[in-house]
C-alpha atoms as a PDB file:
ATOM      1  CA  UNK A   1       0.000   0.000   0.000  1.00  0.00           C
ATOM      2  CA  UNK A   2       1.296   3.441  -0.886  1.00  0.00           C
ATOM      3  CA  UNK A   3       1.057   6.260   1.567  1.00  0.00           C
ATOM      4  CA  UNK A   4       1.625   9.865   0.704  1.00  0.00           C
ATOM      5  CA  UNK A   5       3.207  12.481   2.927  1.00  0.00           C
ATOM      6  CA  UNK A   6       3.547  16.142   1.965  1.00  0.00           C
ATOM      7  CA  UNK A   7       6.022  18.753   3.167  1.00  0.00           C
ATOM      8  CA  UNK A   8       6.800  22.351   2.228  1.00  0.00           C
ATOM      9  CA  UNK A   9      10.511  23.077   1.702  1.00  0.00           C
ATOM     10  CA  UNK A  10      11.978  26.542   2.070  1.00  0.00           C
ATOM     11  CA  UNK A  11      15.642  27.446   2.425  1.00  0.00           C
ATOM     12  CA  UNK A  12      16.488  29.721   5.371  1.00  0.00           C
ATOM     13  CA  UNK A  13      19.502  31.232   3.563  1.00  0.00           C
ATOM     14  CA  UNK A  14      19.507  33.801   0.793  1.00  0.00           C
ATOM     15  CA  UNK A  15      19.408  31.863  -2.474  1.00  0.00           C
ATOM     16  CA  UNK A  16      21.881  32.951  -5.150  1.00  0.00           C
ATOM     17  CA  UNK A  17      21.618  32.148  -8.859  1.00  0.00           C
ATOM     18  CA  UNK A  18      24.139  29.599 -10.134  1.00  0.00           C
ATOM     19  CA  UNK A  19      24.073  31.426 -13.484  1.00  0.00           C
ATOM     20  CA  UNK A  20      24.746  35.048 -12.669  1.00  0.00           C
ATOM     21  CA  UNK A  21      25.321  35.151  -8.890  1.00  0.00           C
ATOM     22  CA  UNK A  22      22.376  37.489  -8.246  1.00  0.00           C
ATOM     23  CA  UNK A  23      19.664  36.975  -5.631  1.00  0.00           C
ATOM     24  CA  UNK A  24      16.763  34.751  -6.764  1.00  0.00           C
ATOM     25  CA  UNK A  25      13.147  35.744  -6.182  1.00  0.00           C
ATOM     26  CA  UNK A  26      10.395  33.247  -5.294  1.00  0.00           C
ATOM     27  CA  UNK A  27       7.633  32.941  -7.909  1.00  0.00           C
ATOM     28  CA  UNK A  28       5.692  29.950  -6.605  1.00  0.00           C
ATOM     29  CA  UNK A  29       6.039  26.275  -5.751  1.00  0.00           C
ATOM     30  CA  UNK A  30       5.854  22.912  -7.463  1.00  0.00           C
ATOM     31  CA  UNK A  31       5.347  19.378  -6.240  1.00  0.00           C
ATOM     32  CA  UNK A  32       8.350  17.043  -6.216  1.00  0.00           C
ATOM     33  CA  UNK A  33       7.599  13.403  -5.372  1.00  0.00           C
ATOM     34  CA  UNK A  34      10.085  10.749  -4.329  1.00  0.00           C
ATOM     35  CA  UNK A  35      10.183   7.361  -2.629  1.00  0.00           C
ATOM     36  CA  UNK A  36      11.703   7.352   0.856  1.00  0.00           C
ATOM     37  CA  UNK A  37      13.823   4.674   2.540  1.00  0.00           C
ATOM     38  CA  UNK A  38      10.702   2.777   3.650  1.00  0.00           C
ATOM     39  CA  UNK A  39       9.287   2.633   0.114  1.00  0.00           C
ATOM     40  CA  UNK A  40       6.632   5.279   0.808  1.00  0.00           C
ATOM     41  CA  UNK A  41       5.830   8.160  -1.538  1.00  0.00           C
ATOM     42  CA  UNK A  42       6.600  11.619  -0.172  1.00  0.00           C
ATOM     43  CA  UNK A  43       5.608  14.898  -1.791  1.00  0.00           C
ATOM     44  CA  UNK A  44       7.638  18.050  -1.248  1.00  0.00           C
ATOM     45  CA  UNK A  45       6.442  21.505  -2.202  1.00  0.00           C
ATOM     46  CA  UNK A  46       9.647  23.175  -3.386  1.00  0.00           C
ATOM     47  CA  UNK A  47       9.974  26.826  -4.309  1.00  0.00           C
ATOM     48  CA  UNK A  48      10.368  27.969  -7.887  1.00  0.00           C
ATOM     49  CA  UNK A  49      12.858  30.809  -8.081  1.00  0.00           C
ATOM     50  CA  UNK A  50      13.449  33.306 -10.880  1.00  0.00           C
ATOM     51  CA  UNK A  51      16.887  34.595 -11.759  1.00  0.00           C
ATOM     52  CA  UNK A  52      17.298  38.258 -12.862  1.00  0.00           C
ATOM     53  CA  UNK A  53      18.489  36.854 -16.211  1.00  0.00           C
ATOM     54  CA  UNK A  54      15.062  35.163 -16.602  1.00  0.00           C
ATOM     55  CA  UNK A  55      15.915  31.527 -15.846  1.00  0.00           C
ATOM     56  CA  UNK A  56      13.799  29.454 -13.477  1.00  0.00           C
ATOM     57  CA  UNK A  57      15.463  27.401 -10.731  1.00  0.00           C
ATOM     58  CA  UNK A  58      14.091  25.098  -8.035  1.00  0.00           C
ATOM     59  CA  UNK A  59      15.354  24.753  -4.473  1.00  0.00           C
ATOM     60  CA  UNK A  60      17.076  21.435  -3.981  1.00  0.00           C
ATOM     61  CA  UNK A  61      16.737  19.906  -0.511  1.00  0.00           C
ATOM     62  CA  UNK A  62      19.617  17.618   0.501  1.00  0.00           C
ATOM     63  CA  UNK A  63      17.361  14.590   0.628  1.00  0.00           C
ATOM     64  CA  UNK A  64      16.781  14.406  -3.143  1.00  0.00           C
ATOM     65  CA  UNK A  65      18.984  14.078  -6.219  1.00  0.00           C
ATOM     66  CA  UNK A  66      17.976  15.773  -9.481  1.00  0.00           C
ATOM     67  CA  UNK A  67      16.052  13.458 -11.814  1.00  0.00           C
ATOM     68  CA  UNK A  68      16.048  10.547  -9.365  1.00  0.00           C
ATOM     69  CA  UNK A  69      12.772   9.264  -7.910  1.00  0.00           C
ATOM     70  CA  UNK A  70      14.225   7.861  -4.702  1.00  0.00           C
ATOM     71  CA  UNK A  71      15.491   9.604  -1.592  1.00  0.00           C
ATOM     72  CA  UNK A  72      19.214  10.386  -1.693  1.00  0.00           C
ATOM     73  CA  UNK A  73      19.755   8.126   1.349  1.00  0.00           C
ATOM     74  CA  UNK A  74      18.527   5.111  -0.672  1.00  0.00           C
ATOM     75  CA  UNK A  75      20.868   5.850  -3.549  1.00  0.00           C
ATOM     76  CA  UNK A  76      23.739   6.578  -1.155  1.00  0.00           C
ATOM     77  CA  UNK A  77      23.217   3.265   0.635  1.00  0.00           C
ATOM     78  CA  UNK A  78      22.982   1.276  -2.609  1.00  0.00           C
ATOM     79  CA  UNK A  79      26.145   2.824  -4.009  1.00  0.00           C
ATOM     80  CA  UNK A  80      28.251   2.500  -0.869  1.00  0.00           C
ATOM     81  CA  UNK A  81      27.210  -0.896   0.508  1.00  0.00           C
ATOM     82  CA  UNK A  82      27.284  -4.405  -0.949  1.00  0.00           C
ATOM     83  CA  UNK A  83      23.934  -5.452  -2.397  1.00  0.00           C
ATOM     84  CA  UNK A  84      23.382  -8.402  -0.057  1.00  0.00           C
ATOM     85  CA  UNK A  85      24.128  -6.512   3.175  1.00  0.00           C
ATOM     86  CA  UNK A  86      21.735  -3.636   2.664  1.00  0.00           C
ATOM     87  CA  UNK A  87      17.965  -3.482   2.622  1.00  0.00           C
ATOM     88  CA  UNK A  88      16.690  -0.858   0.210  1.00  0.00           C
ATOM     89  CA  UNK A  89      13.107  -0.335  -0.945  1.00  0.00           C
ATOM     90  CA  UNK A  90      14.035  -0.683  -4.631  1.00  0.00           C
ATOM     91  CA  UNK A  91      14.347  -3.597  -7.011  1.00  0.00           C
ATOM     92  CA  UNK A  92      17.707  -5.014  -8.079  1.00  0.00           C
ATOM     93  CA  UNK A  93      17.592  -3.474 -11.572  1.00  0.00           C
ATOM     94  CA  UNK A  94      17.091   0.020 -10.082  1.00  0.00           C
ATOM     95  CA  UNK A  95      20.015  -0.502  -7.707  1.00  0.00           C
ATOM     96  CA  UNK A  96      22.143  -1.723 -10.619  1.00  0.00           C
ATOM     97  CA  UNK A  97      21.276   1.442 -12.613  1.00  0.00           C
ATOM     98  CA  UNK A  98      22.162   3.672  -9.647  1.00  0.00           C
ATOM     99  CA  UNK A  99      25.540   1.978  -9.292  1.00  0.00           C
ATOM    100  CA  UNK A 100      26.253   2.280 -13.010  1.00  0.00           C
ATOM    101  CA  UNK A 101      25.161   5.945 -12.988  1.00  0.00           C
ATOM    102  CA  UNK A 102      27.414   6.645 -10.013  1.00  0.00           C
ATOM    103  CA  UNK A 103      30.467   4.941 -11.546  1.00  0.00           C
ATOM    104  CA  UNK A 104      29.864   6.805 -14.805  1.00  0.00           C
ATOM    105  CA  UNK A 105      29.589  10.243 -13.142  1.00  0.00           C
ATOM    106  CA  UNK A 106      32.166   9.905 -10.309  1.00  0.00           C
ATOM    107  CA  UNK A 107      35.174  11.217 -12.247  1.00  0.00           C
ATOM    108  CA  UNK A 108      33.150  14.131 -13.604  1.00  0.00           C
ATOM    109  CA  UNK A 109      31.969  15.039 -10.077  1.00  0.00           C
ATOM    110  CA  UNK A 110      35.517  14.862  -8.746  1.00  0.00           C
ATOM    111  CA  UNK A 111      36.571  17.277 -11.504  1.00  0.00           C
ATOM    112  CA  UNK A 112      33.646  19.571 -10.627  1.00  0.00           C
ATOM    113  CA  UNK A 113      34.513  19.564  -6.923  1.00  0.00           C
ATOM    114  CA  UNK A 114      38.154  20.360  -7.696  1.00  0.00           C
ATOM    115  CA  UNK A 115      37.034  23.174 -10.013  1.00  0.00           C
ATOM    116  CA  UNK A 116      34.724  24.597  -7.334  1.00  0.00           C
ATOM    117  CA  UNK A 117      37.465  24.559  -4.687  1.00  0.00           C
ATOM    118  CA  UNK A 118      39.847  26.326  -7.079  1.00  0.00           C
ATOM    119  CA  UNK A 119      37.167  28.881  -7.965  1.00  0.00           C
ATOM    120  CA  UNK A 120      36.902  29.818  -4.290  1.00  0.00           C
ATOM    121  CA  UNK A 121      40.698  29.862  -3.848  1.00  0.00           C
ATOM    122  CA  UNK A 122      40.786  26.764  -1.668  1.00  0.00           C
ATOM    123  CA  UNK A 123      43.306  23.943  -1.916  1.00  0.00           C
ATOM    124  CA  UNK A 124      41.663  20.850  -3.435  1.00  0.00           C
ATOM    125  CA  UNK A 125      42.197  17.390  -1.989  1.00  0.00           C
ATOM    126  CA  UNK A 126      44.891  15.443  -3.836  1.00  0.00           C
ATOM    127  CA  UNK A 127      43.196  12.788  -5.949  1.00  0.00           C
ATOM    128  CA  UNK A 128      45.105   9.518  -6.062  1.00  0.00           C
ATOM    129  CA  UNK A 129      45.245   7.789  -9.403  1.00  0.00           C
ATOM    130  CA  UNK A 130      45.458   4.346  -7.817  1.00  0.00           C
ATOM    131  CA  UNK A 131      43.367   2.108 -10.089  1.00  0.00           C
ATOM    132  CA  UNK A 132      42.284  -0.114  -7.190  1.00  0.00           C
ATOM    133  CA  UNK A 133      40.137   2.625  -5.651  1.00  0.00           C
ATOM    134  CA  UNK A 134      36.401   2.351  -6.288  1.00  0.00           C
ATOM    135  CA  UNK A 135      34.368   5.355  -7.418  1.00  0.00           C
ATOM    136  CA  UNK A 136      32.957   5.585  -3.888  1.00  0.00           C
ATOM    137  CA  UNK A 137      36.465   5.654  -2.362  1.00  0.00           C
ATOM    138  CA  UNK A 138      37.598   8.397  -4.764  1.00  0.00           C
ATOM    139  CA  UNK A 139      34.535  10.535  -3.969  1.00  0.00           C
ATOM    140  CA  UNK A 140      34.986   9.765  -0.251  1.00  0.00           C
ATOM    141  CA  UNK A 141      38.426  11.384  -0.313  1.00  0.00           C
ATOM    142  CA  UNK A 142      36.763  14.598  -1.495  1.00  0.00           C
ATOM    143  CA  UNK A 143      33.638  14.798   0.701  1.00  0.00           C
ATOM    144  CA  UNK A 144      34.077  12.097   3.343  1.00  0.00           C
ATOM    145  CA  UNK A 145      32.119   8.901   3.818  1.00  0.00           C
ATOM    146  CA  UNK A 146      29.852   9.895   6.712  1.00  0.00           C
ATOM    147  CA  UNK A 147      26.077   9.894   6.224  1.00  0.00           C
ATOM    148  CA  UNK A 148      24.817  12.371   3.581  1.00  0.00           C
ATOM    149  CA  UNK A 149      28.050  12.217   1.566  1.00  0.00           C
ATOM    150  CA  UNK A 150      25.981  12.148  -1.635  1.00  0.00           C
ATOM    151  CA  UNK A 151      24.348  15.471  -0.704  1.00  0.00           C
ATOM    152  CA  UNK A 152      27.848  16.922  -0.215  1.00  0.00           C
ATOM    153  CA  UNK A 153      28.576  16.000  -3.831  1.00  0.00           C
ATOM    154  CA  UNK A 154      25.234  16.935  -5.402  1.00  0.00           C
ATOM    155  CA  UNK A 155      24.617  20.318  -3.778  1.00  0.00           C
ATOM    156  CA  UNK A 156      27.826  22.124  -4.839  1.00  0.00           C
ATOM    157  CA  UNK A 157      27.733  20.631  -8.337  1.00  0.00           C
ATOM    158  CA  UNK A 158      24.096  21.691  -8.843  1.00  0.00           C
ATOM    159  CA  UNK A 159      24.623  25.123  -7.263  1.00  0.00           C
ATOM    160  CA  UNK A 160      27.632  25.743  -9.518  1.00  0.00           C
ATOM    161  CA  UNK A 161      25.383  24.968 -12.515  1.00  0.00           C
ATOM    162  CA  UNK A 162      27.549  21.956 -13.441  1.00  0.00           C
ATOM    163  CA  UNK A 163      24.969  19.172 -13.067  1.00  0.00           C
ATOM    164  CA  UNK A 164      24.677  16.977 -16.158  1.00  0.00           C
ATOM    165  CA  UNK A 165      21.032  16.532 -17.033  1.00  0.00           C
ATOM    166  CA  UNK A 166      19.841  13.175 -18.268  1.00  0.00           C
ATOM    167  CA  UNK A 167      18.963  12.784 -21.924  1.00  0.00           C
ATOM    168  CA  UNK A 168      15.433  11.577 -21.134  1.00  0.00           C
ATOM    169  CA  UNK A 169      14.788  14.597 -18.923  1.00  0.00           C
ATOM    170  CA  UNK A 170      16.276  17.164 -21.324  1.00  0.00           C
ATOM    171  CA  UNK A 171      16.244  15.791 -24.878  1.00  0.00           C
ATOM    172  CA  UNK A 172      17.659  18.974 -26.422  1.00  0.00           C
ATOM    173  CA  UNK A 173      20.272  19.396 -23.627  1.00  0.00           C
ATOM    174  CA  UNK A 174      19.313  23.066 -23.557  1.00  0.00           C
ATOM    175  CA  UNK A 175      16.942  23.186 -20.615  1.00  0.00           C
ATOM    176  CA  UNK A 176      17.971  24.168 -17.109  1.00  0.00           C
END
């Protein structure tokens, strides 16, 4: 049986545009549904924000990943733990796709995180080129492996306007 919970999400900080760096203004909300760690549907009301340059952005709470229908904690657990030792409310093919997606994007995200640290005049973490390291270990050197490590990857990459949108979500690759 599916249950549905609804929450309103609003950031307490001033929200800055990833495009032009100006303050964003709220223009409304939209529903964003996802499946939580128990397999239940949750609906968030997230704010739609307009950039002075005319683009529309949406607030991204740490518990979701763009274009994924499961809570970030589910994806994080599937990617970082062996399949047999973890209980996740998703079928094996979904978990397999998450793992493939993560392995495919890990090097790009590492490059993004290094770029972001350089942009803000910080010293990036040295990335080891040891081939025996898994994608999760390489990312872990950048953001740590404690709970919510995936949010520590997703948030800066999205906020720097570097997130790669999926082909099915943006067929012309021109939408933001």
